[in-house]
Amino acid sequence: MPAESVKGRLGGVLRRILMRRATVFACKPIAGRFRLISLEGPALRGAVWAPGQKVQIAMAAPFVTRTYTPIEWEASTGRTRILCYAHGVGPGSAWVRDVKPGDECDVFGPRGSIDVRPASGPLAVFGDETSIGLAYALSAHHPTRSAALHFELDDMEAGRHVLKHMDLSGAALFGKRTDDAHVEQMAAALPSLAATGASFVFAGKAGTVQRLRQSLKQLEVTTPRISTKAYWAPGKVGLD
């Protein structure tokens, strides 16, 4: 039996054992490369989910998954929604662009990723297009905690439209620059937020996450107040 055939069969077995089968029941274009994708299925019922957790969705190729952050999960009905951004030309972006109602997919999770529950006080979320869903999940499901949101964006108009659609219109926006000078502007917001006792979430582009975390360390903010997750990095694929 050809190696590719064996690999494909093994991948199919592992999907059935480890993953939850779901059906896409809605795909709503929001603006630019953003789509709001809704999944449902009996296997999604009863799942224990917390805001900030991730799921991995299997792509067409064996052992290839891409990671997304649900914005909500209705365990009683077996439904979840994901705000997706078609970031590039890889299999994850192709799935976001091409998926349609009625398509089936295999979902691994929900699993731990960002967890702000142990921290108290206000939140400060810094990210990019790939982090808006995370920001919504944290804000919507922790309504008693104020949240200061900061995003670096390629397409400011599309970003504003999506943030308004998600009722996150109070966010501070920074247009991306090729020299990353805008990251210094984002970092300028850190001292005042640190002084309020805020807990910080840095997610999105790996380089930005690293620079902001380094800036925050200089302010002597303790580790329990900092959560980080790099969703992508130039030249790398499939970051978890």
C-alpha atoms as a PDB file:
ATOM      1  CA  MET A   1       0.000   0.000   0.000  1.00  0.00           C
ATOM      2  CA  PRO A   2       1.448   3.434  -0.921  1.00  0.00           C
ATOM      3  CA  ALA A   3       2.731   5.498   1.993  1.00  0.00           C
ATOM      4  CA  GLU A   4       0.329   8.334   1.231  1.00  0.00           C
ATOM      5  CA  SER A   5      -2.621   5.941   1.350  1.00  0.00           C
ATOM      6  CA  VAL A   6      -1.511   4.579   4.734  1.00  0.00           C
ATOM      7  CA  LYS A   7      -1.046   8.104   6.044  1.00  0.00           C
ATOM      8  CA  GLY A   8      -4.499   9.078   4.829  1.00  0.00           C
ATOM      9  CA  ARG A   9      -6.170   6.078   6.464  1.00  0.00           C
ATOM     10  CA  LEU A  10      -4.347   6.650   9.746  1.00  0.00           C
ATOM     11  CA  GLY A  11      -5.358  10.298   9.667  1.00  0.00           C
ATOM     12  CA  GLY A  12      -8.986   9.281   9.152  1.00  0.00           C
ATOM     13  CA  VAL A  13      -8.889   6.912  12.121  1.00  0.00           C
ATOM     14  CA  LEU A  14      -7.388   9.549  14.396  1.00  0.00           C
ATOM     15  CA  ARG A  15     -10.009  12.084  13.296  1.00  0.00           C
ATOM     16  CA  ARG A  16     -12.822   9.722  14.263  1.00  0.00           C
ATOM     17  CA  ILE A  17     -11.235   8.993  17.655  1.00  0.00           C
ATOM     18  CA  LEU A  18     -10.036  12.437  18.698  1.00  0.00           C
ATOM     19  CA  MET A  19     -12.200  14.963  16.887  1.00  0.00           C
ATOM     20  CA  ARG A  20     -15.781  16.178  16.939  1.00  0.00           C
ATOM     21  CA  ARG A  21     -17.696  16.158  13.654  1.00  0.00           C
ATOM     22  CA  ALA A  22     -19.452  19.460  12.948  1.00  0.00           C
ATOM     23  CA  THR A  23     -21.452  20.992  10.106  1.00  0.00           C
ATOM     24  CA  VAL A  24     -21.163  24.570   8.930  1.00  0.00           C
ATOM     25  CA  PHE A  25     -24.634  26.140   9.182  1.00  0.00           C
ATOM     26  CA  ALA A  26     -23.738  29.761   8.435  1.00  0.00           C
ATOM     27  CA  CYS A  27     -20.936  31.762   6.797  1.00  0.00           C
ATOM     28  CA  LYS A  28     -21.314  35.508   6.989  1.00  0.00           C
ATOM     29  CA  PRO A  29     -18.848  37.830   5.238  1.00  0.00           C
ATOM     30  CA  ILE A  30     -18.256  40.825   7.528  1.00  0.00           C
ATOM     31  CA  ALA A  31     -15.669  42.998   5.760  1.00  0.00           C
ATOM     32  CA  GLY A  32     -12.508  42.432   3.765  1.00  0.00           C
ATOM     33  CA  ARG A  33     -11.032  39.063   4.692  1.00  0.00           C
ATOM     34  CA  PHE A  34     -13.235  38.530   7.770  1.00  0.00           C
ATOM     35  CA  ARG A  35     -15.960  35.875   7.930  1.00  0.00           C
ATOM     36  CA  LEU A  36     -18.147  34.799  10.806  1.00  0.00           C
ATOM     37  CA  ILE A  37     -18.443  31.010  10.589  1.00  0.00           C
ATOM     38  CA  SER A  38     -20.988  29.046  12.630  1.00  0.00           C
ATOM     39  CA  LEU A  39     -20.703  25.318  13.347  1.00  0.00           C
ATOM     40  CA  GLU A  40     -23.147  22.867  14.859  1.00  0.00           C
ATOM     41  CA  GLY A  41     -23.424  19.175  15.597  1.00  0.00           C
ATOM     42  CA  PRO A  42     -24.374  16.658  18.287  1.00  0.00           C
ATOM     43  CA  ALA A  43     -20.674  16.108  19.044  1.00  0.00           C
ATOM     44  CA  LEU A  44     -20.352  19.760  20.089  1.00  0.00           C
ATOM     45  CA  ARG A  45     -23.009  19.395  22.776  1.00  0.00           C
ATOM     46  CA  GLY A  46     -21.816  19.271  26.347  1.00  0.00           C
ATOM     47  CA  ALA A  47     -18.360  20.626  25.558  1.00  0.00           C
ATOM     48  CA  VAL A  48     -16.791  22.574  28.409  1.00  0.00           C
ATOM     49  CA  TRP A  49     -15.550  25.837  26.911  1.00  0.00           C
ATOM     50  CA  ALA A  50     -14.103  28.993  28.443  1.00  0.00           C
ATOM     51  CA  PRO A  51     -13.475  32.307  26.636  1.00  0.00           C
ATOM     52  CA  GLY A  52      -9.963  32.354  25.186  1.00  0.00           C
ATOM     53  CA  GLN A  53      -9.813  28.639  24.496  1.00  0.00           C
ATOM     54  CA  LYS A  54      -9.021  27.345  21.010  1.00  0.00           C
ATOM     55  CA  VAL A  55     -10.155  24.684  18.591  1.00  0.00           C
ATOM     56  CA  GLN A  56      -8.213  23.026  15.806  1.00  0.00           C
ATOM     57  CA  ILE A  57     -10.019  22.262  12.570  1.00  0.00           C
ATOM     58  CA  ALA A  58      -8.749  19.527  10.282  1.00  0.00           C
ATOM     59  CA  MET A  59      -7.865  20.566   6.760  1.00  0.00           C
ATOM     60  CA  ALA A  60      -8.060  18.343   3.682  1.00  0.00           C
ATOM     61  CA  ALA A  61      -4.492  16.999   4.012  1.00  0.00           C
ATOM     62  CA  PRO A  62      -3.830  14.294   6.639  1.00  0.00           C
ATOM     63  CA  PHE A  63      -2.482  15.574   9.979  1.00  0.00           C
ATOM     64  CA  VAL A  64      -2.927  19.220   8.939  1.00  0.00           C
ATOM     65  CA  THR A  65      -5.000  21.441  11.244  1.00  0.00           C
ATOM     66  CA  ARG A  66      -5.442  25.158  11.734  1.00  0.00           C
ATOM     67  CA  THR A  67      -6.251  26.850  15.022  1.00  0.00           C
ATOM     68  CA  TYR A  68      -9.143  29.230  15.672  1.00  0.00           C
ATOM     69  CA  THR A  69     -10.641  30.953  18.714  1.00  0.00           C
ATOM     70  CA  PRO A  70     -14.398  30.487  19.220  1.00  0.00           C
ATOM     71  CA  ILE A  71     -16.252  33.622  20.246  1.00  0.00           C
ATOM     72  CA  GLU A  72     -19.026  31.648  21.920  1.00  0.00           C
ATOM     73  CA  TRP A  73     -20.135  28.066  22.531  1.00  0.00           C
ATOM     74  CA  GLU A  74     -23.676  26.903  23.251  1.00  0.00           C
ATOM     75  CA  ALA A  75     -23.093  23.541  24.885  1.00  0.00           C
ATOM     76  CA  SER A  76     -26.814  22.776  25.183  1.00  0.00           C
ATOM     77  CA  THR A  77     -27.470  23.118  21.445  1.00  0.00           C
ATOM     78  CA  GLY A  78     -24.056  22.078  20.160  1.00  0.00           C
ATOM     79  CA  ARG A  79     -23.313  25.348  18.370  1.00  0.00           C
ATOM     80  CA  THR A  80     -20.240  27.548  18.219  1.00  0.00           C
ATOM     81  CA  ARG A  81     -19.172  30.617  16.236  1.00  0.00           C
ATOM     82  CA  ILE A  82     -15.723  31.686  15.060  1.00  0.00           C
ATOM     83  CA  LEU A  83     -14.668  35.072  13.722  1.00  0.00           C
ATOM     84  CA  CYS A  84     -12.160  34.044  11.060  1.00  0.00           C
ATOM     85  CA  TYR A  85      -9.607  36.070   9.126  1.00  0.00           C
ATOM     86  CA  ALA A  86      -8.180  34.756   5.833  1.00  0.00           C
ATOM     87  CA  HIS A  87      -4.641  35.773   6.617  1.00  0.00           C
ATOM     88  CA  GLY A  88      -2.734  34.434   3.629  1.00  0.00           C
ATOM     89  CA  VAL A  89      -2.703  31.686   1.011  1.00  0.00           C
ATOM     90  CA  GLY A  90      -2.344  28.595   3.218  1.00  0.00           C
ATOM     91  CA  PRO A  91      -4.925  25.860   3.855  1.00  0.00           C
ATOM     92  CA  GLY A  92      -6.458  27.690   6.809  1.00  0.00           C
ATOM     93  CA  SER A  93      -7.120  30.841   4.812  1.00  0.00           C
ATOM     94  CA  ALA A  94      -8.431  28.773   1.898  1.00  0.00           C
ATOM     95  CA  TRP A  95     -10.886  27.040   4.236  1.00  0.00           C
ATOM     96  CA  VAL A  96     -12.102  30.396   5.595  1.00  0.00           C
ATOM     97  CA  ARG A  97     -12.632  31.758   2.069  1.00  0.00           C
ATOM     98  CA  ASP A  98     -14.222  28.660   0.539  1.00  0.00           C
ATOM     99  CA  VAL A  99     -16.249  26.962   3.274  1.00  0.00           C
ATOM    100  CA  LYS A 100     -20.024  27.105   2.836  1.00  0.00           C
ATOM    101  CA  PRO A 101     -23.161  26.046   4.718  1.00  0.00           C
ATOM    102  CA  GLY A 102     -23.587  22.288   4.650  1.00  0.00           C
ATOM    103  CA  ASP A 103     -19.859  21.537   4.625  1.00  0.00           C
ATOM    104  CA  GLU A 104     -18.643  19.203   7.335  1.00  0.00           C
ATOM    105  CA  CYS A 105     -15.436  19.499   9.312  1.00  0.00           C
ATOM    106  CA  ASP A 106     -13.625  17.807  12.188  1.00  0.00           C
ATOM    107  CA  VAL A 107     -12.920  19.846  15.312  1.00  0.00           C
ATOM    108  CA  PHE A 108     -10.361  19.098  18.030  1.00  0.00           C
ATOM    109  CA  GLY A 109     -11.114  20.870  21.267  1.00  0.00           C
ATOM    110  CA  PRO A 110     -11.989  23.162  22.890  1.00  0.00           C
ATOM    111  CA  ARG A 111      -8.566  23.285  24.533  1.00  0.00           C
ATOM    112  CA  GLY A 112      -6.635  25.714  26.700  1.00  0.00           C
ATOM    113  CA  SER A 113      -4.924  28.733  25.165  1.00  0.00           C
ATOM    114  CA  ILE A 114      -5.576  32.108  26.848  1.00  0.00           C
ATOM    115  CA  ASP A 115      -7.145  32.052  30.312  1.00  0.00           C
ATOM    116  CA  VAL A 116      -7.783  35.328  32.123  1.00  0.00           C
ATOM    117  CA  ARG A 117      -9.930  33.835  34.878  1.00  0.00           C
ATOM    118  CA  PRO A 118      -7.146  33.598  37.493  1.00  0.00           C
ATOM    119  CA  ALA A 119      -6.429  37.339  37.210  1.00  0.00           C
ATOM    120  CA  SER A 120      -8.650  40.115  38.502  1.00  0.00           C
ATOM    121  CA  GLY A 121      -9.198  43.743  37.599  1.00  0.00           C
ATOM    122  CA  PRO A 122      -9.417  45.348  34.155  1.00  0.00           C
ATOM    123  CA  LEU A 123      -8.143  43.727  30.965  1.00  0.00           C
ATOM    124  CA  ALA A 124      -5.864  45.165  28.296  1.00  0.00           C
ATOM    125  CA  VAL A 125      -5.884  43.208  25.041  1.00  0.00           C
ATOM    126  CA  PHE A 126      -3.315  43.886  22.309  1.00  0.00           C
ATOM    127  CA  GLY A 127      -3.482  42.068  18.983  1.00  0.00           C
ATOM    128  CA  ASP A 128      -4.272  42.248  15.283  1.00  0.00           C
ATOM    129  CA  GLU A 129      -6.928  40.977  12.873  1.00  0.00           C
ATOM    130  CA  THR A 130      -6.450  37.428  14.157  1.00  0.00           C
ATOM    131  CA  SER A 131      -7.127  38.534  17.741  1.00  0.00           C
ATOM    132  CA  ILE A 132     -10.444  40.355  17.364  1.00  0.00           C
ATOM    133  CA  GLY A 133     -12.417  37.170  18.007  1.00  0.00           C
ATOM    134  CA  LEU A 134     -10.417  36.582  21.185  1.00  0.00           C
ATOM    135  CA  ALA A 135     -11.083  40.147  22.330  1.00  0.00           C
ATOM    136  CA  TYR A 136     -14.804  39.709  21.728  1.00  0.00           C
ATOM    137  CA  ALA A 137     -14.917  36.428  23.652  1.00  0.00           C
ATOM    138  CA  LEU A 138     -13.094  37.904  26.647  1.00  0.00           C
ATOM    139  CA  SER A 139     -15.152  41.102  26.657  1.00  0.00           C
ATOM    140  CA  ALA A 140     -18.558  39.518  26.090  1.00  0.00           C
ATOM    141  CA  HIS A 141     -18.131  36.782  28.665  1.00  0.00           C
ATOM    142  CA  HIS A 142     -16.490  38.938  31.345  1.00  0.00           C
ATOM    143  CA  PRO A 143     -18.873  41.923  31.208  1.00  0.00           C
ATOM    144  CA  THR A 144     -18.013  43.161  34.686  1.00  0.00           C
ATOM    145  CA  ARG A 145     -14.353  43.687  33.737  1.00  0.00           C
ATOM    146  CA  SER A 146     -13.470  46.734  31.682  1.00  0.00           C
ATOM    147  CA  ALA A 147     -11.350  45.953  28.625  1.00  0.00           C
ATOM    148  CA  ALA A 148      -8.991  48.306  26.800  1.00  0.00           C
ATOM    149  CA  LEU A 149      -8.489  46.978  23.266  1.00  0.00           C
ATOM    150  CA  HIS A 150      -5.582  47.779  20.920  1.00  0.00           C
ATOM    151  CA  PHE A 151      -5.183  46.347  17.409  1.00  0.00           C
ATOM    152  CA  GLU A 152      -2.587  46.686  14.646  1.00  0.00           C
ATOM    153  CA  LEU A 153      -4.338  46.425  11.283  1.00  0.00           C
ATOM    154  CA  ASP A 154      -3.502  46.179   7.588  1.00  0.00           C
ATOM    155  CA  ASP A 155      -6.929  47.367   6.435  1.00  0.00           C
ATOM    156  CA  MET A 156      -8.183  50.037   8.794  1.00  0.00           C
ATOM    157  CA  GLU A 157     -11.568  50.429   7.086  1.00  0.00           C
ATOM    158  CA  ALA A 158     -12.347  46.704   7.219  1.00  0.00           C
ATOM    159  CA  GLY A 159     -11.098  46.548  10.794  1.00  0.00           C
ATOM    160  CA  ARG A 160     -13.363  49.382  11.894  1.00  0.00           C
ATOM    161  CA  HIS A 161     -16.335  47.722  10.205  1.00  0.00           C
ATOM    162  CA  VAL A 162     -15.691  44.398  11.932  1.00  0.00           C
ATOM    163  CA  LEU A 163     -15.145  46.001  15.323  1.00  0.00           C
ATOM    164  CA  LYS A 164     -18.397  47.921  14.975  1.00  0.00           C
ATOM    165  CA  HIS A 165     -20.216  44.742  13.931  1.00  0.00           C
ATOM    166  CA  MET A 166     -18.832  42.957  17.014  1.00  0.00           C
ATOM    167  CA  ASP A 167     -19.702  45.927  19.262  1.00  0.00           C
ATOM    168  CA  LEU A 168     -16.019  46.616  19.982  1.00  0.00           C
ATOM    169  CA  SER A 169     -15.978  50.089  18.495  1.00  0.00           C
ATOM    170  CA  GLY A 170     -14.039  51.640  21.399  1.00  0.00           C
ATOM    171  CA  ALA A 171     -10.786  49.936  20.415  1.00  0.00           C
ATOM    172  CA  ALA A 172      -7.585  51.872  19.660  1.00  0.00           C
ATOM    173  CA  LEU A 173      -6.357  51.117  16.126  1.00  0.00           C
ATOM    174  CA  PHE A 174      -2.848  51.308  14.694  1.00  0.00           C
ATOM    175  CA  GLY A 175      -2.112  51.050  10.992  1.00  0.00           C
ATOM    176  CA  LYS A 176       0.643  48.533  10.320  1.00  0.00           C
ATOM    177  CA  ARG A 177       3.903  49.928   8.962  1.00  0.00           C
ATOM    178  CA  THR A 178       6.601  47.957   7.183  1.00  0.00           C
ATOM    179  CA  ASP A 179       9.203  49.171   9.689  1.00  0.00           C
ATOM    180  CA  ASP A 180       6.920  48.214  12.634  1.00  0.00           C
ATOM    181  CA  ALA A 181       7.196  51.759  14.020  1.00  0.00           C
ATOM    182  CA  HIS A 182       3.537  51.519  15.007  1.00  0.00           C
ATOM    183  CA  VAL A 183       4.418  48.923  17.651  1.00  0.00           C
ATOM    184  CA  GLU A 184       6.187  51.643  19.624  1.00  0.00           C
ATOM    185  CA  GLN A 185       2.955  53.615  19.539  1.00  0.00           C
ATOM    186  CA  MET A 186       1.117  50.608  20.927  1.00  0.00           C
ATOM    187  CA  ALA A 187       3.741  50.176  23.644  1.00  0.00           C
ATOM    188  CA  ALA A 188       3.250  53.804  24.694  1.00  0.00           C
ATOM    189  CA  ALA A 189      -0.146  52.797  26.108  1.00  0.00           C
ATOM    190  CA  LEU A 190       1.347  50.221  28.472  1.00  0.00           C
ATOM    191  CA  PRO A 191       2.507  52.403  31.417  1.00  0.00           C
ATOM    192  CA  SER A 192      -0.884  53.969  32.130  1.00  0.00           C
ATOM    193  CA  LEU A 193      -2.630  50.614  31.825  1.00  0.00           C
ATOM    194  CA  ALA A 194      -0.089  48.938  34.100  1.00  0.00           C
ATOM    195  CA  ALA A 195      -0.717  51.623  36.703  1.00  0.00           C
ATOM    196  CA  THR A 196      -4.398  50.654  36.857  1.00  0.00           C
ATOM    197  CA  GLY A 197      -3.509  47.076  37.798  1.00  0.00           C
ATOM    198  CA  ALA A 198      -4.713  45.716  34.455  1.00  0.00           C
ATOM    199  CA  SER A 199      -4.009  42.172  33.326  1.00  0.00           C
ATOM    200  CA  PHE A 200      -2.545  42.019  29.837  1.00  0.00           C
ATOM    201  CA  VAL A 201      -3.286  39.758  26.869  1.00  0.00           C
ATOM    202  CA  PHE A 202      -0.909  39.883  23.893  1.00  0.00           C
ATOM    203  CA  ALA A 203      -1.962  37.777  20.884  1.00  0.00           C
ATOM    204  CA  GLY A 204      -1.462  37.803  17.128  1.00  0.00           C
ATOM    205  CA  LYS A 205       1.814  38.437  15.293  1.00  0.00           C
ATOM    206  CA  ALA A 206       4.756  36.815  17.082  1.00  0.00           C
ATOM    207  CA  GLY A 207       7.101  39.777  16.706  1.00  0.00           C
ATOM    208  CA  THR A 208       4.597  42.243  18.120  1.00  0.00           C
ATOM    209  CA  VAL A 209       3.742  39.940  21.024  1.00  0.00           C
ATOM    210  CA  GLN A 210       7.427  39.621  21.895  1.00  0.00           C
ATOM    211  CA  ARG A 211       8.146  43.360  21.734  1.00  0.00           C
ATOM    212  CA  LEU A 212       5.132  44.304  23.831  1.00  0.00           C
ATOM    213  CA  ARG A 213       5.960  41.702  26.437  1.00  0.00           C
ATOM    214  CA  GLN A 214       9.522  42.988  26.667  1.00  0.00           C
ATOM    215  CA  SER A 215       8.236  46.533  27.119  1.00  0.00           C
ATOM    216  CA  LEU A 216       5.865  45.388  29.845  1.00  0.00           C
ATOM    217  CA  LYS A 217       8.636  43.580  31.722  1.00  0.00           C
ATOM    218  CA  GLN A 218      10.515  46.865  31.969  1.00  0.00           C
ATOM    219  CA  LEU A 219       7.505  48.185  33.872  1.00  0.00           C
ATOM    220  CA  GLU A 220       7.902  45.332  36.383  1.00  0.00           C
ATOM    221  CA  VAL A 221       4.456  43.903  35.729  1.00  0.00           C
ATOM    222  CA  THR A 222       4.326  40.458  37.320  1.00  0.00           C
ATOM    223  CA  THR A 223       3.984  37.314  35.207  1.00  0.00           C
ATOM    224  CA  PRO A 224       0.521  36.316  36.556  1.00  0.00           C
ATOM    225  CA  ARG A 225      -0.838  39.508  34.966  1.00  0.00           C
ATOM    226  CA  ILE A 226       0.473  38.642  31.493  1.00  0.00           C
ATOM    227  CA  SER A 227      -0.958  36.147  28.973  1.00  0.00           C
ATOM    228  CA  THR A 228       0.598  35.757  25.531  1.00  0.00           C
ATOM    229  CA  LYS A 229      -0.139  33.727  22.410  1.00  0.00           C
ATOM    230  CA  ALA A 230       1.544  34.089  19.036  1.00  0.00           C
ATOM    231  CA  TYR A 231      -1.026  33.151  16.394  1.00  0.00           C
ATOM    232  CA  TRP A 232       1.273  33.624  13.407  1.00  0.00           C
ATOM    233  CA  ALA A 233       4.743  34.677  12.292  1.00  0.00           C
ATOM    234  CA  PRO A 234       6.064  35.649   8.843  1.00  0.00           C
ATOM    235  CA  GLY A 235       7.471  32.619   7.040  1.00  0.00           C
ATOM    236  CA  LYS A 236       5.946  30.096   9.450  1.00  0.00           C
ATOM    237  CA  VAL A 237       2.789  28.021   9.045  1.00  0.00           C
ATOM    238  CA  GLY A 238       0.410  26.252  11.369  1.00  0.00           C
ATOM    239  CA  LEU A 239       1.294  27.935  14.655  1.00  0.00           C
ATOM    240  CA  ASP A 240      -0.848  26.455  17.420  1.00  0.00           C
END
